[in-house]
Amino acid sequence: MTRVELAAPIAGWLMSVRGVPDPVFSQEMMGAGSAIDPTEGKIVSPCAGAVLLVAPTRHSVTLRTDEGAEILIHVG
């Protein structure tokens, strides 16, 4: 397995995804992750890679890193 390092996509307070109110994320149905309580309104890519999907509602983006890992950035 290749190690992938990610930067924070937004400034804010880092917390466990298990602490978010949405059970889809807190129960890790979408996989392991982290949550950020934002202090700014600008989101950037956390890694080098390609955009695979932008949700029609524009509340989430799926990226594929150069190493092949798929990353979901979900707002809300």
Protein backbone atom coordinates (compact mmCIF):
# COMPACT_ATOMS: atom_id res chain seq x y z
CA MET A 1 0.00 0.00 0.00
CA THR A 2 1.28 3.46 -0.92
CA ARG A 3 1.16 6.20 1.70
CA VAL A 4 -0.70 9.36 0.64
CA GLU A 5 -0.21 12.63 2.50
CA LEU A 6 -3.07 15.11 2.45
CA ALA A 7 -3.11 18.77 3.40
CA ALA A 8 -6.20 20.24 5.04
CA PRO A 9 -8.60 21.40 2.31
CA ILE A 10 -9.89 24.23 4.53
CA ALA A 11 -8.75 26.12 7.63
CA GLY A 12 -10.55 25.13 10.81
CA TRP A 13 -10.76 22.79 13.77
CA LEU A 14 -9.98 19.13 13.02
CA MET A 15 -12.20 16.48 14.59
CA SER A 16 -13.01 12.82 14.18
CA VAL A 17 -15.57 12.04 11.50
CA ARG A 18 -17.31 9.98 14.19
CA GLY A 19 -18.34 13.25 15.86
CA VAL A 20 -20.39 14.65 12.96
CA PRO A 21 -24.20 14.52 13.21
CA ASP A 22 -24.75 12.71 9.87
CA PRO A 23 -24.73 8.92 10.51
CA VAL A 24 -23.56 8.18 6.96
CA PHE A 25 -20.25 9.81 7.90
CA SER A 26 -20.10 9.26 11.68
CA GLN A 27 -20.62 5.52 11.21
CA GLU A 28 -17.96 5.57 8.45
CA MET A 29 -20.33 4.18 5.79
CA MET A 30 -18.37 6.26 3.26
CA GLY A 31 -15.05 5.09 4.73
CA ALA A 32 -12.63 6.44 7.30
CA GLY A 33 -12.06 10.15 7.43
CA SER A 34 -11.77 13.38 9.34
CA ALA A 35 -14.04 16.37 9.71
CA ILE A 36 -13.15 20.04 9.87
CA ASP A 37 -15.25 22.74 11.52
CA PRO A 38 -14.25 25.58 9.17
CA THR A 39 -13.02 29.01 10.17
CA GLU A 40 -12.72 30.25 6.57
CA GLY A 41 -14.78 29.91 3.40
CA LYS A 42 -12.15 28.77 0.89
CA ILE A 43 -11.69 25.09 0.00
CA VAL A 44 -8.59 23.90 -1.87
CA SER A 45 -7.38 20.53 -3.10
CA PRO A 46 -5.61 18.58 -0.36
CA CYS A 47 -3.34 16.78 -2.85
CA ALA A 48 -2.11 16.50 -6.40
CA GLY A 49 -4.49 14.56 -8.59
CA ALA A 50 -7.53 14.80 -10.82
CA VAL A 51 -11.16 15.73 -10.22
CA LEU A 52 -13.35 12.67 -10.85
CA LEU A 53 -16.75 14.06 -9.95
CA VAL A 54 -18.43 17.25 -8.82
CA ALA A 55 -21.92 16.64 -7.40
CA PRO A 56 -24.68 18.42 -9.36
CA THR A 57 -25.48 20.34 -6.15
CA ARG A 58 -21.77 21.30 -5.87
CA HIS A 59 -21.62 20.20 -2.23
CA SER A 60 -19.01 17.51 -2.83
CA VAL A 61 -16.00 16.73 -5.00
CA THR A 62 -14.29 13.39 -5.54
CA LEU A 63 -10.57 13.44 -6.37
CA ARG A 64 -8.14 10.71 -7.40
CA THR A 65 -4.61 11.24 -6.13
CA ASP A 66 -1.60 10.61 -8.34
CA GLU A 67 -1.12 7.43 -6.25
CA GLY A 68 -4.67 6.22 -7.08
CA ALA A 69 -6.47 6.92 -3.80
CA GLU A 70 -9.95 8.40 -4.09
CA ILE A 71 -10.73 11.34 -1.78
CA LEU A 72 -14.21 12.75 -1.07
CA ILE A 73 -14.51 16.37 0.04
CA HIS A 74 -18.06 16.88 1.31
CA VAL A 75 -19.48 20.19 2.55
CA GLY A 76 -22.47 20.07 4.83
